[in-house]
Amino acid sequence: MAKGFKCPSCGVQKCEDLGSHLYCPDCKSIFWDLNNSKFEGGKGKGNTCHHCGKFTLHNITNMDTDSVIIKIFRCSTCHAVLIKKESINKD
């Protein structure tokens, strides 16, 4: 079995390639290479990219806490990144 990629945050070498980003199961970090030719941004029409204006901005992952959700979007055309914070409503 392959070791995986080395995490730039904790140094563990078992990060998973999820297509649009790499994920470390130990420290829960995500990262990517801007020149990565393999990019799975999502199916269908995405959101309008703030940088290139194309409809290729897709949500690649969410990071949840008790009070907020951090949504990370990445453009499959120009590789721009958008990070959006949303509050969790607890009723």
Protein backbone atom coordinates (compact mmCIF):
# COMPACT_ATOMS: atom_id res chain seq x y z
CA MET A 1 0.00 0.00 0.00
CA ALA A 2 1.27 3.46 -0.89
CA LYS A 3 2.27 5.76 1.96
CA GLY A 4 0.43 8.79 0.59
CA PHE A 5 1.52 12.40 0.46
CA LYS A 6 3.39 14.18 3.25
CA CYS A 7 1.29 16.70 5.18
CA PRO A 8 2.83 20.21 5.25
CA SER A 9 1.13 20.83 8.61
CA CYS A 10 1.95 17.79 10.78
CA GLY A 11 4.48 15.90 8.63
CA VAL A 12 2.60 12.59 8.57
CA GLN A 13 2.96 10.82 5.24
CA LYS A 14 -0.50 9.38 4.72
CA CYS A 15 -2.55 12.18 3.14
CA GLU A 16 -5.30 11.18 0.75
CA ASP A 17 -5.67 12.63 -2.77
CA LEU A 18 -9.34 13.58 -3.08
CA GLY A 19 -8.99 15.00 -6.62
CA SER A 20 -9.52 18.69 -5.93
CA HIS A 21 -7.40 18.68 -2.75
CA LEU A 22 -5.31 16.53 -0.44
CA TYR A 23 -6.59 15.65 3.04
CA CYS A 24 -4.65 14.66 6.17
CA PRO A 25 -6.63 12.22 8.35
CA ASP A 26 -4.37 12.92 11.34
CA CYS A 27 -4.57 16.72 11.72
CA LYS A 28 -7.61 17.27 9.42
CA SER A 29 -5.70 19.77 7.23
CA ILE A 30 -6.41 20.20 3.54
CA PHE A 31 -4.00 21.44 0.89
CA TRP A 32 -3.37 21.35 -2.86
CA ASP A 33 -0.80 22.06 -5.51
CA LEU A 34 -1.76 25.01 -7.72
CA ASN A 35 -0.19 23.29 -10.72
CA ASN A 36 -1.98 19.99 -10.10
CA SER A 37 -3.23 18.76 -13.48
CA LYS A 38 -5.72 16.40 -11.82
CA PHE A 39 -8.62 18.52 -10.62
CA GLU A 40 -12.08 17.21 -9.85
CA GLY A 41 -14.06 20.32 -9.11
CA GLY A 42 -17.56 18.97 -9.29
CA LYS A 43 -20.24 17.97 -11.73
CA GLY A 44 -22.26 20.39 -13.79
CA LYS A 45 -22.35 24.15 -13.79
CA GLY A 46 -20.57 25.70 -10.84
CA ASN A 47 -20.79 29.13 -9.28
CA THR A 48 -19.41 32.22 -11.00
CA CYS A 49 -15.69 32.56 -10.26
CA HIS A 50 -14.76 35.90 -8.73
CA HIS A 51 -11.46 35.85 -10.66
CA CYS A 52 -12.08 34.55 -14.19
CA GLY A 53 -15.87 34.99 -14.40
CA LYS A 54 -16.55 31.45 -15.61
CA PHE A 55 -19.07 29.08 -14.00
CA THR A 56 -16.35 26.74 -12.74
CA LEU A 57 -16.18 27.59 -9.02
CA HIS A 58 -17.11 24.44 -7.07
CA ASN A 59 -17.30 23.59 -3.37
CA ILE A 60 -14.42 21.16 -2.75
CA THR A 61 -14.86 20.59 0.99
CA ASN A 62 -16.49 21.83 4.18
CA MET A 63 -14.87 22.10 7.58
CA ASP A 64 -17.44 21.99 10.41
CA THR A 65 -17.20 23.15 14.00
CA ASP A 66 -19.90 23.53 16.65
CA SER A 67 -20.69 27.12 15.64
CA VAL A 68 -19.55 27.62 12.02
CA ILE A 69 -19.09 25.85 8.72
CA ILE A 70 -16.11 26.86 6.61
CA LYS A 71 -16.83 26.19 2.93
CA ILE A 72 -13.88 26.06 0.55
CA PHE A 73 -14.46 26.64 -3.15
CA ARG A 74 -11.90 26.26 -5.95
CA CYS A 75 -12.10 27.21 -9.62
CA SER A 76 -11.23 24.42 -12.05
CA THR A 77 -10.29 26.98 -14.74
CA CYS A 78 -8.01 29.51 -13.01
CA HIS A 79 -7.54 27.75 -9.61
CA ALA A 80 -8.79 30.75 -7.63
CA VAL A 81 -9.94 29.94 -4.08
CA LEU A 82 -12.92 31.25 -2.11
CA ILE A 83 -13.30 30.54 1.61
CA LYS A 84 -16.73 31.26 3.06
CA LYS A 85 -17.82 31.14 6.71
CA GLU A 86 -21.44 30.33 7.60
CA SER A 87 -22.96 30.37 11.06
CA ILE A 88 -24.76 27.28 12.31
CA ASN A 89 -28.20 28.12 13.63
CA LYS A 90 -28.98 26.13 16.76
CA ASP A 91 -32.67 26.12 17.57
